[in-house]
Amino acid sequence: MQLTPIDRSDIPVSLITFGKELMQHYGLRINGQAFQLAELELYFHSDKHPDRSVHKHERQQMKGAWYFHRRGERYLSGPRKGLDLTFGDKEQKEYFGVLIRAIKSVDADQYIYGPSLTVDFILEQTKRSMLQLEEEPAEQNKLLTLVKLDNPIETPIYEAPRRGLNK
C-alpha cells in the first residue's frame, strides 16, 4: 500500500490529502464484490496532535490492519460498531484509524450508509466474526480486502470537521 505519508509538520492538511487519496485510488473487495469507499472519517493521535476521540488501541498503531471498534478488549455492538483501516506507527507512538462510514457497490445499486450498518453488511457477506476478519492484514485478507483501483475515481470529495463526538 503506497499512500502519501503523513506530514507531521501539518497534520490536518496532510490528513485531508491522505483521505482523498484513499477514496480516489482504493476500494474494498468484500467476499469478491467490489465497493467504493464512499465516506471516511480520519482519527490521528500523537504527542504533537492529541485527539481524545481516538480509541488508542494497539491495533491503531499498526499499518494496514483492520480494527473493529471495542471498549477495552470487548467489541462494540449495536449502533456503536465501527471498522477502521489503520495506518499508525508504534515507534512514533502514533494511533491512526480511518473509519469506514459508508460504502457503495461498484456493480450494483447498493449504498450502505453508517459505520454500524457497514460492519453488519461486512459480517453478513463474509460470514466471519470481527476477530476472524482482524487476523489477516487488509491487503491479504481474502474476504475483506483493501484493493488499489485500476482507474482512479474522479468524483468530487468533500471535507467537513467532525462534530458531535460524545467524549
Foldseek 3Di string as FASTA:
>chain_A
DDFDDADVVDRVVSVVRRVLCLQFWKWKQAQNFTKGLPDKDKDKDAPVRHDPLFPLDPVQQDAQFKDWDDDPPHGDDDQPIWIWGHHHHVVRSMGMTITRQKIATPPDGDIQGGGRSVVVVSCVRQVDDPVVRRPDGQCPRNRIHMGTDPGTDPDDDDDDDDDDDDD
